[in-house]
PDB file of N, CA and C in Angstrom:
ATOM      1  N   MET A   1     -49.935   2.637   4.940  1.00  0.00           N
ATOM      2  CA  MET A   1     -48.810   3.075   4.320  1.00  0.00           C
ATOM      3  C   MET A   1     -47.828   1.946   4.031  1.00  0.00           C
ATOM      4  N   THR A   2     -47.416   1.842   2.841  1.00  0.00           N
ATOM      5  CA  THR A   2     -46.471   0.714   2.506  1.00  0.00           C
ATOM      6  C   THR A   2     -45.062   1.072   2.797  1.00  0.00           C
ATOM      7  N   HIS A   3     -44.189   0.072   2.888  1.00  0.00           N
ATOM      8  CA  HIS A   3     -42.736   0.056   3.164  1.00  0.00           C
ATOM      9  C   HIS A   3     -42.164   1.087   2.187  1.00  0.00           C
ATOM     10  N   ASP A   4     -42.559   1.351   1.006  1.00  0.00           N
ATOM     11  CA  ASP A   4     -41.986   2.134   0.151  1.00  0.00           C
ATOM     12  C   ASP A   4     -42.097   3.535   0.376  1.00  0.00           C
ATOM     13  N   GLU A   5     -43.101   3.851   1.202  1.00  0.00           N
ATOM     14  CA  GLU A   5     -43.361   5.234   1.655  1.00  0.00           C
ATOM     15  C   GLU A   5     -42.964   5.648   3.178  1.00  0.00           C
ATOM     16  N   ILE A   6     -42.127   5.056   3.632  1.00  0.00           N
ATOM     17  CA  ILE A   6     -41.637   5.265   4.831  1.00  0.00           C
ATOM     18  C   ILE A   6     -40.908   6.708   4.827  1.00  0.00           C
ATOM     19  N   THR A   7     -41.420   7.574   5.696  1.00  0.00           N
ATOM     20  CA  THR A   7     -40.979   8.724   5.903  1.00  0.00           C
ATOM     21  C   THR A   7     -40.206   8.875   7.326  1.00  0.00           C
ATOM     22  N   PRO A   8     -38.939   8.855   7.392  1.00  0.00           N
ATOM     23  CA  PRO A   8     -38.470   8.973   8.750  1.00  0.00           C
ATOM     24  C   PRO A   8     -38.439  10.136   9.463  1.00  0.00           C
ATOM     25  N   ALA A   9     -38.956  10.322  10.780  1.00  0.00           N
ATOM     26  CA  ALA A   9     -38.816  11.545  11.570  1.00  0.00           C
ATOM     27  C   ALA A   9     -37.344  12.009  11.835  1.00  0.00           C
ATOM     28  N   LYS A  10     -36.417  11.121  11.810  1.00  0.00           N
ATOM     29  CA  LYS A  10     -35.185  11.477  12.168  1.00  0.00           C
ATOM     30  C   LYS A  10     -34.202  10.609  11.489  1.00  0.00           C
ATOM     31  N   GLU A  11     -32.987  11.050  10.983  1.00  0.00           N
ATOM     32  CA  GLU A  11     -31.839  10.121  10.503  1.00  0.00           C
ATOM     33  C   GLU A  11     -30.720  10.110  11.284  1.00  0.00           C
ATOM     34  N   LEU A  12     -30.054   8.971  11.542  1.00  0.00           N
ATOM     35  CA  LEU A  12     -28.933   8.754  12.133  1.00  0.00           C
ATOM     36  C   LEU A  12     -27.907   8.193  11.320  1.00  0.00           C
ATOM     37  N   ASP A  13     -26.593   8.697  11.318  1.00  0.00           N
ATOM     38  CA  ASP A  13     -25.681   8.360  10.300  1.00  0.00           C
ATOM     39  C   ASP A  13     -24.616   7.626  11.304  1.00  0.00           C
ATOM     40  N   CYS A  14     -24.442   6.355  11.139  1.00  0.00           N
ATOM     41  CA  CYS A  14     -23.358   5.578  11.890  1.00  0.00           C
ATOM     42  C   CYS A  14     -22.363   5.081  10.983  1.00  0.00           C
ATOM     43  N   VAL A  15     -22.298   5.545   9.797  1.00  0.00           N
ATOM     44  CA  VAL A  15     -21.265   4.918   8.926  1.00  0.00           C
ATOM     45  C   VAL A  15     -19.812   5.328   9.329  1.00  0.00           C
ATOM     46  N   GLY A  16     -19.054   4.348   9.458  1.00  0.00           N
ATOM     47  CA  GLY A  16     -17.620   4.391   9.832  1.00  0.00           C
ATOM     48  C   GLY A  16     -17.462   4.159  11.366  1.00  0.00           C
ATOM     49  N   LEU A  17     -18.588   3.883  12.048  1.00  0.00           N
ATOM     50  CA  LEU A  17     -18.633   3.531  13.539  1.00  0.00           C
ATOM     51  C   LEU A  17     -18.830   2.053  13.758  1.00  0.00           C
ATOM     52  N   TYR A  18     -18.146   1.567  14.666  1.00  0.00           N
ATOM     53  CA  TYR A  18     -18.363   0.135  14.833  1.00  0.00           C
ATOM     54  C   TYR A  18     -18.780  -0.160  16.330  1.00  0.00           C
ATOM     55  N   CYS A  19     -19.265  -1.397  16.487  1.00  0.00           N
ATOM     56  CA  CYS A  19     -19.940  -2.009  17.719  1.00  0.00           C
ATOM     57  C   CYS A  19     -19.063  -1.580  18.850  1.00  0.00           C
ATOM     58  N   PRO A  20     -19.639  -0.891  19.977  1.00  0.00           N
ATOM     59  CA  PRO A  20     -21.277  -0.902  20.119  1.00  0.00           C
ATOM     60  C   PRO A  20     -21.783   0.575  19.851  1.00  0.00           C
ATOM     61  N   ILE A  21     -21.070   1.312  19.132  1.00  0.00           N
ATOM     62  CA  ILE A  21     -21.466   2.807  18.985  1.00  0.00           C
ATOM     63  C   ILE A  21     -22.707   2.703  18.158  1.00  0.00           C
ATOM     64  N   PRO A  22     -22.878   2.164  16.894  1.00  0.00           N
ATOM     65  CA  PRO A  22     -24.167   2.261  16.329  1.00  0.00           C
ATOM     66  C   PRO A  22     -25.420   1.901  17.211  1.00  0.00           C
ATOM     67  N   ILE A  23     -25.301   0.790  17.842  1.00  0.00           N
ATOM     68  CA  ILE A  23     -26.354   0.471  18.688  1.00  0.00           C
ATOM     69  C   ILE A  23     -26.675   1.377  19.965  1.00  0.00           C
ATOM     70  N   ALA A  24     -25.621   1.928  20.458  1.00  0.00           N
ATOM     71  CA  ALA A  24     -25.875   3.023  21.443  1.00  0.00           C
ATOM     72  C   ALA A  24     -26.329   4.216  21.133  1.00  0.00           C
ATOM     73  N   GLN A  25     -25.865   4.528  19.795  1.00  0.00           N
ATOM     74  CA  GLN A  25     -26.525   5.933  19.168  1.00  0.00           C
ATOM     75  C   GLN A  25     -28.004   5.676  18.878  1.00  0.00           C
ATOM     76  N   THR A  26     -28.350   4.528  18.363  1.00  0.00           N
ATOM     77  CA  THR A  26     -29.653   4.139  18.019  1.00  0.00           C
ATOM     78  C   THR A  26     -30.537   4.049  19.321  1.00  0.00           C
ATOM     79  N   LYS A  27     -30.097   3.563  20.384  1.00  0.00           N
ATOM     80  CA  LYS A  27     -30.754   3.674  21.570  1.00  0.00           C
ATOM     81  C   LYS A  27     -31.136   4.957  21.988  1.00  0.00           C
ATOM     82  N   GLU A  28     -30.273   5.915  21.896  1.00  0.00           N
ATOM     83  CA  GLU A  28     -30.549   7.403  22.247  1.00  0.00           C
ATOM     84  C   GLU A  28     -31.362   8.108  21.302  1.00  0.00           C
ATOM     85  N   ALA A  29     -31.138   7.709  20.010  1.00  0.00           N
ATOM     86  CA  ALA A  29     -31.948   8.519  18.964  1.00  0.00           C
ATOM     87  C   ALA A  29     -33.300   8.109  18.961  1.00  0.00           C
ATOM     88  N   ILE A  30     -33.647   6.812  19.335  1.00  0.00           N
ATOM     89  CA  ILE A  30     -35.120   6.486  19.358  1.00  0.00           C
ATOM     90  C   ILE A  30     -35.904   7.153  20.398  1.00  0.00           C
ATOM     91  N   GLU A  31     -35.160   7.487  21.264  1.00  0.00           N
ATOM     92  CA  GLU A  31     -35.934   8.407  22.382  1.00  0.00           C
ATOM     93  C   GLU A  31     -36.336   9.691  22.012  1.00  0.00           C
ATOM     94  N   THR A  32     -35.744  10.148  20.846  1.00  0.00           N
ATOM     95  CA  THR A  32     -35.912  11.526  20.396  1.00  0.00           C
ATOM     96  C   THR A  32     -37.148  11.613  19.344  1.00  0.00           C
ATOM     97  N   VAL A  33     -37.705  10.614  18.966  1.00  0.00           N
ATOM     98  CA  VAL A  33     -38.715  10.676  18.051  1.00  0.00           C
ATOM     99  C   VAL A  33     -39.974  10.172  18.885  1.00  0.00           C
ATOM    100  N   LYS A  34     -41.336  10.423  18.297  1.00  0.00           N
ATOM    101  CA  LYS A  34     -42.462  10.125  19.091  1.00  0.00           C
ATOM    102  C   LYS A  34     -42.910   8.652  18.739  1.00  0.00           C
ATOM    103  N   VAL A  35     -43.540   8.045  19.584  1.00  0.00           N
ATOM    104  CA  VAL A  35     -44.112   6.848  19.389  1.00  0.00           C
ATOM    105  C   VAL A  35     -44.930   6.878  18.044  1.00  0.00           C
ATOM    106  N   GLY A  36     -44.599   5.830  17.200  1.00  0.00           N
ATOM    107  CA  GLY A  36     -45.363   5.602  15.862  1.00  0.00           C
ATOM    108  C   GLY A  36     -44.440   6.326  14.827  1.00  0.00           C
ATOM    109  N   GLU A  37     -43.432   7.171  15.192  1.00  0.00           N
ATOM    110  CA  GLU A  37     -42.576   7.672  14.176  1.00  0.00           C
ATOM    111  C   GLU A  37     -41.426   6.808  13.815  1.00  0.00           C
ATOM    112  N   VAL A  38     -40.636   6.917  12.768  1.00  0.00           N
ATOM    113  CA  VAL A  38     -39.599   6.154  12.284  1.00  0.00           C
ATOM    114  C   VAL A  38     -38.225   6.818  12.345  1.00  0.00           C
ATOM    115  N   LEU A  39     -37.227   5.904  12.863  1.00  0.00           N
ATOM    116  CA  LEU A  39     -35.735   6.475  12.938  1.00  0.00           C
ATOM    117  C   LEU A  39     -35.124   5.715  11.809  1.00  0.00           C
ATOM    118  N   MET A  40     -34.486   6.513  10.880  1.00  0.00           N
ATOM    119  CA  MET A  40     -33.700   5.784   9.914  1.00  0.00           C
ATOM    120  C   MET A  40     -32.268   5.794  10.232  1.00  0.00           C
ATOM    121  N   VAL A  41     -31.586   4.555  10.226  1.00  0.00           N
ATOM    122  CA  VAL A  41     -30.201   4.581  10.825  1.00  0.00           C
ATOM    123  C   VAL A  41     -29.353   3.918   9.547  1.00  0.00           C
ATOM    124  N   GLU A  42     -28.263   4.586   9.122  1.00  0.00           N
ATOM    125  CA  GLU A  42     -27.288   3.990   8.254  1.00  0.00           C
ATOM    126  C   GLU A  42     -26.069   3.594   8.899  1.00  0.00           C
ATOM    127  N   ALA A  43     -25.755   2.438   8.593  1.00  0.00           N
ATOM    128  CA  ALA A  43     -24.358   1.933   9.274  1.00  0.00           C
ATOM    129  C   ALA A  43     -23.692   1.054   8.227  1.00  0.00           C
ATOM    130  N   ASP A  44     -22.309   0.930   8.353  1.00  0.00           N
ATOM    131  CA  ASP A  44     -21.586   0.000   7.454  1.00  0.00           C
ATOM    132  C   ASP A  44     -20.779  -1.040   8.296  1.00  0.00           C
ATOM    133  N   ASP A  45     -21.019  -1.174   9.586  1.00  0.00           N
ATOM    134  CA  ASP A  45     -20.533  -2.186  10.479  1.00  0.00           C
ATOM    135  C   ASP A  45     -21.232  -3.494  10.202  1.00  0.00           C
ATOM    136  N   PRO A  46     -20.354  -4.579   9.713  1.00  0.00           N
ATOM    137  CA  PRO A  46     -21.175  -5.817   9.539  1.00  0.00           C
ATOM    138  C   PRO A  46     -21.974  -6.455  10.600  1.00  0.00           C
ATOM    139  N   ALA A  47     -21.534  -6.063  11.903  1.00  0.00           N
ATOM    140  CA  ALA A  47     -22.163  -6.553  12.948  1.00  0.00           C
ATOM    141  C   ALA A  47     -23.633  -5.746  13.219  1.00  0.00           C
ATOM    142  N   ALA A  48     -23.681  -4.626  12.653  1.00  0.00           N
ATOM    143  CA  ALA A  48     -24.981  -3.696  12.866  1.00  0.00           C
ATOM    144  C   ALA A  48     -26.213  -4.463  12.608  1.00  0.00           C
ATOM    145  N   GLU A  49     -26.283  -5.354  11.569  1.00  0.00           N
ATOM    146  CA  GLU A  49     -27.601  -5.896  11.265  1.00  0.00           C
ATOM    147  C   GLU A  49     -27.976  -6.893  12.259  1.00  0.00           C
ATOM    148  N   GLU A  50     -27.150  -7.651  12.620  1.00  0.00           N
ATOM    149  CA  GLU A  50     -27.635  -8.598  13.939  1.00  0.00           C
ATOM    150  C   GLU A  50     -27.878  -7.786  15.153  1.00  0.00           C
ATOM    151  N   ASP A  51     -26.862  -6.800  15.395  1.00  0.00           N
ATOM    152  CA  ASP A  51     -27.248  -6.135  16.561  1.00  0.00           C
ATOM    153  C   ASP A  51     -28.495  -5.280  16.560  1.00  0.00           C
ATOM    154  N   ILE A  52     -28.834  -4.611  15.472  1.00  0.00           N
ATOM    155  CA  ILE A  52     -30.196  -3.874  15.495  1.00  0.00           C
ATOM    156  C   ILE A  52     -31.282  -4.854  15.447  1.00  0.00           C
ATOM    157  N   LYS A  53     -31.116  -5.943  14.779  1.00  0.00           N
ATOM    158  CA  LYS A  53     -32.382  -6.881  14.782  1.00  0.00           C
ATOM    159  C   LYS A  53     -32.538  -7.266  16.332  1.00  0.00           C
ATOM    160  N   ALA A  54     -31.518  -7.714  16.941  1.00  0.00           N
ATOM    161  CA  ALA A  54     -31.633  -8.192  18.287  1.00  0.00           C
ATOM    162  C   ALA A  54     -32.053  -7.091  19.284  1.00  0.00           C
ATOM    163  N   TRP A  55     -31.636  -5.772  19.169  1.00  0.00           N
ATOM    164  CA  TRP A  55     -31.988  -4.827  19.814  1.00  0.00           C
ATOM    165  C   TRP A  55     -33.530  -4.437  19.624  1.00  0.00           C
ATOM    166  N   ALA A  56     -33.970  -4.385  18.475  1.00  0.00           N
ATOM    167  CA  ALA A  56     -35.329  -4.139  18.073  1.00  0.00           C
ATOM    168  C   ALA A  56     -36.313  -5.094  18.894  1.00  0.00           C
ATOM    169  N   LYS A  57     -35.868  -6.407  18.666  1.00  0.00           N
ATOM    170  CA  LYS A  57     -36.680  -7.517  19.311  1.00  0.00           C
ATOM    171  C   LYS A  57     -36.681  -7.369  20.870  1.00  0.00           C
ATOM    172  N   HIS A  58     -35.480  -7.079  21.444  1.00  0.00           N
ATOM    173  CA  HIS A  58     -35.456  -6.886  22.870  1.00  0.00           C
ATOM    174  C   HIS A  58     -36.162  -5.701  23.288  1.00  0.00           C
ATOM    175  N   THR A  59     -36.264  -4.641  22.649  1.00  0.00           N
ATOM    176  CA  THR A  59     -36.891  -3.372  23.179  1.00  0.00           C
ATOM    177  C   THR A  59     -38.385  -3.429  22.789  1.00  0.00           C
ATOM    178  N   GLY A  60     -38.719  -4.188  21.738  1.00  0.00           N
ATOM    179  CA  GLY A  60     -40.008  -4.143  21.315  1.00  0.00           C
ATOM    180  C   GLY A  60     -40.284  -3.182  20.211  1.00  0.00           C
ATOM    181  N   HIS A  61     -39.407  -2.357  19.714  1.00  0.00           N
ATOM    182  CA  HIS A  61     -39.494  -1.397  18.562  1.00  0.00           C
ATOM    183  C   HIS A  61     -39.620  -2.369  17.162  1.00  0.00           C
ATOM    184  N   GLU A  62     -40.270  -1.717  16.248  1.00  0.00           N
ATOM    185  CA  GLU A  62     -40.374  -2.446  14.951  1.00  0.00           C
ATOM    186  C   GLU A  62     -39.430  -2.191  13.874  1.00  0.00           C
ATOM    187  N   LEU A  63     -38.617  -3.281  13.600  1.00  0.00           N
ATOM    188  CA  LEU A  63     -37.618  -3.019  12.583  1.00  0.00           C
ATOM    189  C   LEU A  63     -38.385  -3.199  11.189  1.00  0.00           C
ATOM    190  N   MET A  64     -38.894  -2.074  10.472  1.00  0.00           N
ATOM    191  CA  MET A  64     -39.679  -2.182   9.394  1.00  0.00           C
ATOM    192  C   MET A  64     -38.966  -2.605   8.058  1.00  0.00           C
ATOM    193  N   LYS A  65     -37.805  -2.367   7.967  1.00  0.00           N
ATOM    194  CA  LYS A  65     -37.248  -2.559   6.600  1.00  0.00           C
ATOM    195  C   LYS A  65     -35.603  -2.454   6.957  1.00  0.00           C
ATOM    196  N   ILE A  66     -34.969  -3.237   6.089  1.00  0.00           N
ATOM    197  CA  ILE A  66     -33.499  -2.990   5.801  1.00  0.00           C
ATOM    198  C   ILE A  66     -33.078  -2.829   4.437  1.00  0.00           C
ATOM    199  N   GLU A  67     -32.402  -1.998   4.119  1.00  0.00           N
ATOM    200  CA  GLU A  67     -31.994  -1.658   2.597  1.00  0.00           C
ATOM    201  C   GLU A  67     -30.443  -1.785   2.634  1.00  0.00           C
ATOM    202  N   ARG A  68     -30.020  -2.351   1.536  1.00  0.00           N
ATOM    203  CA  ARG A  68     -28.518  -2.437   1.320  1.00  0.00           C
ATOM    204  C   ARG A  68     -28.072  -1.734   0.040  1.00  0.00           C
ATOM    205  N   ALA A  69     -26.884  -1.119   0.247  1.00  0.00           N
ATOM    206  CA  ALA A  69     -26.408  -0.332  -0.903  1.00  0.00           C
ATOM    207  C   ALA A  69     -24.764  -0.468  -0.830  1.00  0.00           C
ATOM    208  N   GLY A  70     -24.257  -1.477  -1.374  1.00  0.00           N
ATOM    209  CA  GLY A  70     -22.825  -1.814  -1.215  1.00  0.00           C
ATOM    210  C   GLY A  70     -22.664  -2.234   0.129  1.00  0.00           C
ATOM    211  N   SER A  71     -21.641  -1.495   0.938  1.00  0.00           N
ATOM    212  CA  SER A  71     -21.457  -1.879   2.486  1.00  0.00           C
ATOM    213  C   SER A  71     -22.413  -1.137   3.307  1.00  0.00           C
ATOM    214  N   ILE A  72     -23.256  -0.181   2.798  1.00  0.00           N
ATOM    215  CA  ILE A  72     -24.004   0.517   3.717  1.00  0.00           C
ATOM    216  C   ILE A  72     -25.365  -0.028   3.962  1.00  0.00           C
ATOM    217  N   MET A  73     -25.770  -0.367   5.135  1.00  0.00           N
ATOM    218  CA  MET A  73     -27.080  -0.837   5.330  1.00  0.00           C
ATOM    219  C   MET A  73     -27.961   0.389   5.877  1.00  0.00           C
ATOM    220  N   THR A  74     -29.270   0.410   5.579  1.00  0.00           N
ATOM    221  CA  THR A  74     -30.063   1.413   6.154  1.00  0.00           C
ATOM    222  C   THR A  74     -31.418   0.724   6.796  1.00  0.00           C
ATOM    223  N   PHE A  75     -31.482   1.027   8.035  1.00  0.00           N
ATOM    224  CA  PHE A  75     -32.529   0.405   8.856  1.00  0.00           C
ATOM    225  C   PHE A  75     -33.670   1.501   9.197  1.00  0.00           C
ATOM    226  N   TYR A  76     -34.814   0.972   9.059  1.00  0.00           N
ATOM    227  CA  TYR A  76     -35.979   1.804   9.351  1.00  0.00           C
ATOM    228  C   TYR A  76     -36.667   1.121  10.575  1.00  0.00           C
ATOM    229  N   ILE A  77     -36.619   1.903  11.698  1.00  0.00           N
ATOM    230  CA  ILE A  77     -37.188   1.409  12.960  1.00  0.00           C
ATOM    231  C   ILE A  77     -38.330   2.266  13.443  1.00  0.00           C
ATOM    232  N   LYS A  78     -39.540   1.555  13.849  1.00  0.00           N
ATOM    233  CA  LYS A  78     -40.715   2.441  14.333  1.00  0.00           C
ATOM    234  C   LYS A  78     -40.613   2.302  15.879  1.00  0.00           C
ATOM    235  N   ARG A  79     -40.750   3.383  16.373  1.00  0.00           N
ATOM    236  CA  ARG A  79     -40.830   3.490  17.911  1.00  0.00           C
ATOM    237  C   ARG A  79     -42.194   3.076  18.222  1.00  0.00           C
ATOM    238  N   THR A  80     -42.265   2.179  19.199  1.00  0.00           N
ATOM    239  CA  THR A  80     -43.549   1.573  19.502  1.00  0.00           C
ATOM    240  C   THR A  80     -44.006   1.844  20.929  1.00  0.00           C
ATOM    241  N   LYS A  81     -43.042   2.325  21.740  1.00  0.00           N
ATOM    242  CA  LYS A  81     -43.438   2.820  23.123  1.00  0.00           C
ATOM    243  C   LYS A  81     -42.591   3.886  23.622  1.00  0.00           C
TER     244      LYS A  81
END
């Protein structure tokens, strides 16, 4: 599977929410997808990129891709455990 073919099992909309809400909701949402599945998170909080990168590294989940469209960032996170 190439990164262009990522099909998220679940989508989480955190647009308009600010730290720490996007990361808290991401933590909850990753538990609702199966290991190996992908959670897509959209956020516009400037802190979200660093927060989600650090969270993924800390928890061991794989941050597969980050897309940007204007102020919106889309994160693709694969559950690894």
